[in-house]
Amino acid sequence: MASITIRNLDDDLKAELRLAAARHGHSMEEEVRTILRRALAPRPERGLGSRIRQRFAEEGGVDLELPSREERPRAAEFEE
C-alpha cells in the first residue's frame, strides 16, 4: 500500500481531524482514509428522483390527474 505525507496542515484542522477520529473510535489515519474514500467514491450519474423512479419502475406506475394550471399562484393567508 502507498503512503502519503501532508505538510503545512493547519493546527485547527488537525485538531478537528483528531476529534472526528475520536468520535468515530479510530485513528487519525483511518479517519483520513475514510474521508478520502467518501470524497472520491463514484457518484451516480443521475439524480435521486431518477434513481427512485428506476427502482420502482417494475411495480408499474400510477397515472395522476394533474390539476389545471390556469389559476395564478397566490400567497398563503394566515389568520392571526
C-alpha atoms as a PDB file:
ATOM      1  CA  MET A   1       0.000   0.000   0.000  1.00  0.00           C
ATOM      2  CA  ALA A   2       1.075   3.540  -0.676  1.00  0.00           C
ATOM      3  CA  SER A   3       1.730   6.240   1.891  1.00  0.00           C
ATOM      4  CA  ILE A   4       1.154   9.965   1.754  1.00  0.00           C
ATOM      5  CA  THR A   5       2.542  12.829   3.810  1.00  0.00           C
ATOM      6  CA  ILE A   6       0.583  16.040   4.212  1.00  0.00           C
ATOM      7  CA  ARG A   7       2.658  19.083   5.066  1.00  0.00           C
ATOM      8  CA  ASN A   8       1.556  22.520   6.275  1.00  0.00           C
ATOM      9  CA  LEU A   9      -1.678  21.262   7.816  1.00  0.00           C
ATOM     10  CA  ASP A  10      -3.306  23.950   9.947  1.00  0.00           C
ATOM     11  CA  ASP A  11      -3.261  23.207  13.670  1.00  0.00           C
ATOM     12  CA  ASP A  12      -7.023  23.823  13.888  1.00  0.00           C
ATOM     13  CA  LEU A  13      -7.713  21.386  11.048  1.00  0.00           C
ATOM     14  CA  LYS A  14      -5.503  18.752  12.662  1.00  0.00           C
ATOM     15  CA  ALA A  15      -7.342  19.215  15.957  1.00  0.00           C
ATOM     16  CA  GLU A  16     -10.714  18.805  14.196  1.00  0.00           C
ATOM     17  CA  LEU A  17      -9.424  15.676  12.486  1.00  0.00           C
ATOM     18  CA  ARG A  18      -8.248  14.263  15.807  1.00  0.00           C
ATOM     19  CA  LEU A  19     -11.642  14.955  17.412  1.00  0.00           C
ATOM     20  CA  ALA A  20     -13.531  13.415  14.483  1.00  0.00           C
ATOM     21  CA  ALA A  21     -11.349  10.299  14.681  1.00  0.00           C
ATOM     22  CA  ALA A  22     -12.001  10.032  18.422  1.00  0.00           C
ATOM     23  CA  ARG A  23     -15.769  10.393  17.873  1.00  0.00           C
ATOM     24  CA  HIS A  24     -15.661   7.550  15.351  1.00  0.00           C
ATOM     25  CA  GLY A  25     -13.392   5.428  17.535  1.00  0.00           C
ATOM     26  CA  HIS A  26     -10.411   5.118  15.249  1.00  0.00           C
ATOM     27  CA  SER A  27      -7.051   6.667  14.447  1.00  0.00           C
ATOM     28  CA  MET A  28      -6.459   9.921  12.606  1.00  0.00           C
ATOM     29  CA  GLU A  29      -5.009   7.923   9.712  1.00  0.00           C
ATOM     30  CA  GLU A  30      -8.179   5.829   9.438  1.00  0.00           C
ATOM     31  CA  GLU A  31     -10.294   8.985   9.635  1.00  0.00           C
ATOM     32  CA  VAL A  32      -8.357  10.474   6.705  1.00  0.00           C
ATOM     33  CA  ARG A  33      -8.740   7.240   4.706  1.00  0.00           C
ATOM     34  CA  THR A  34     -12.485   7.287   5.347  1.00  0.00           C
ATOM     35  CA  ILE A  35     -12.777  10.931   4.301  1.00  0.00           C
ATOM     36  CA  LEU A  36     -10.799  10.287   1.114  1.00  0.00           C
ATOM     37  CA  ARG A  37     -12.882   7.205   0.246  1.00  0.00           C
ATOM     38  CA  ARG A  38     -16.111   9.180   0.628  1.00  0.00           C
ATOM     39  CA  ALA A  39     -14.788  12.169  -1.304  1.00  0.00           C
ATOM     40  CA  LEU A  40     -13.522  10.091  -4.218  1.00  0.00           C
ATOM     41  CA  ALA A  41     -16.293   7.472  -4.408  1.00  0.00           C
ATOM     42  CA  PRO A  42     -18.033   7.316  -7.767  1.00  0.00           C
ATOM     43  CA  ARG A  43     -21.233   9.299  -7.763  1.00  0.00           C
ATOM     44  CA  PRO A  44     -24.369   8.270  -9.586  1.00  0.00           C
ATOM     45  CA  GLU A  45     -24.764   9.949 -12.942  1.00  0.00           C
ATOM     46  CA  ARG A  46     -28.459  10.553 -12.420  1.00  0.00           C
ATOM     47  CA  GLY A  47     -30.344  12.417  -9.758  1.00  0.00           C
ATOM     48  CA  LEU A  48     -32.202  10.976  -6.807  1.00  0.00           C
ATOM     49  CA  GLY A  49     -35.609  11.239  -8.441  1.00  0.00           C
ATOM     50  CA  SER A  50     -34.456   9.274 -11.491  1.00  0.00           C
ATOM     51  CA  ARG A  51     -32.939   6.562  -9.296  1.00  0.00           C
ATOM     52  CA  ILE A  52     -36.115   6.235  -7.228  1.00  0.00           C
ATOM     53  CA  ARG A  53     -38.209   6.017 -10.403  1.00  0.00           C
ATOM     54  CA  GLN A  54     -35.955   3.319 -11.822  1.00  0.00           C
ATOM     55  CA  ARG A  55     -36.071   1.303  -8.593  1.00  0.00           C
ATOM     56  CA  PHE A  56     -39.870   1.232  -8.521  1.00  0.00           C
ATOM     57  CA  ALA A  57     -40.496   1.081 -12.308  1.00  0.00           C
ATOM     58  CA  GLU A  58     -41.133  -2.670 -12.291  1.00  0.00           C
ATOM     59  CA  GLU A  59     -44.010  -2.167  -9.831  1.00  0.00           C
ATOM     60  CA  GLY A  60     -45.921  -0.357 -12.530  1.00  0.00           C
ATOM     61  CA  GLY A  61     -46.986   3.206 -12.266  1.00  0.00           C
ATOM     62  CA  VAL A  62     -49.810   5.445 -11.265  1.00  0.00           C
ATOM     63  CA  ASP A  63     -51.293   7.960 -13.626  1.00  0.00           C
ATOM     64  CA  LEU A  64     -52.304  11.020 -11.704  1.00  0.00           C
ATOM     65  CA  GLU A  65     -54.685  13.627 -12.991  1.00  0.00           C
ATOM     66  CA  LEU A  66     -52.769  16.871 -12.928  1.00  0.00           C
ATOM     67  CA  PRO A  67     -54.613  19.972 -11.754  1.00  0.00           C
ATOM     68  CA  SER A  68     -55.268  22.780 -14.164  1.00  0.00           C
ATOM     69  CA  ARG A  69     -52.555  25.438 -14.197  1.00  0.00           C
ATOM     70  CA  GLU A  70     -54.842  28.275 -15.243  1.00  0.00           C
ATOM     71  CA  GLU A  71     -55.038  29.936 -11.843  1.00  0.00           C
ATOM     72  CA  ARG A  72     -52.052  32.031 -10.845  1.00  0.00           C
ATOM     73  CA  PRO A  73     -50.324  31.131  -7.577  1.00  0.00           C
ATOM     74  CA  ARG A  74     -51.142  33.321  -4.609  1.00  0.00           C
ATOM     75  CA  ALA A  75     -49.591  33.918  -1.239  1.00  0.00           C
ATOM     76  CA  ALA A  76     -50.819  31.869   1.694  1.00  0.00           C
ATOM     77  CA  GLU A  77     -53.137  33.643   4.091  1.00  0.00           C
ATOM     78  CA  PHE A  78     -52.767  33.043   7.812  1.00  0.00           C
ATOM     79  CA  GLU A  79     -55.223  34.077  10.491  1.00  0.00           C
ATOM     80  CA  GLU A  80     -53.772  35.981  13.406  1.00  0.00           C
END
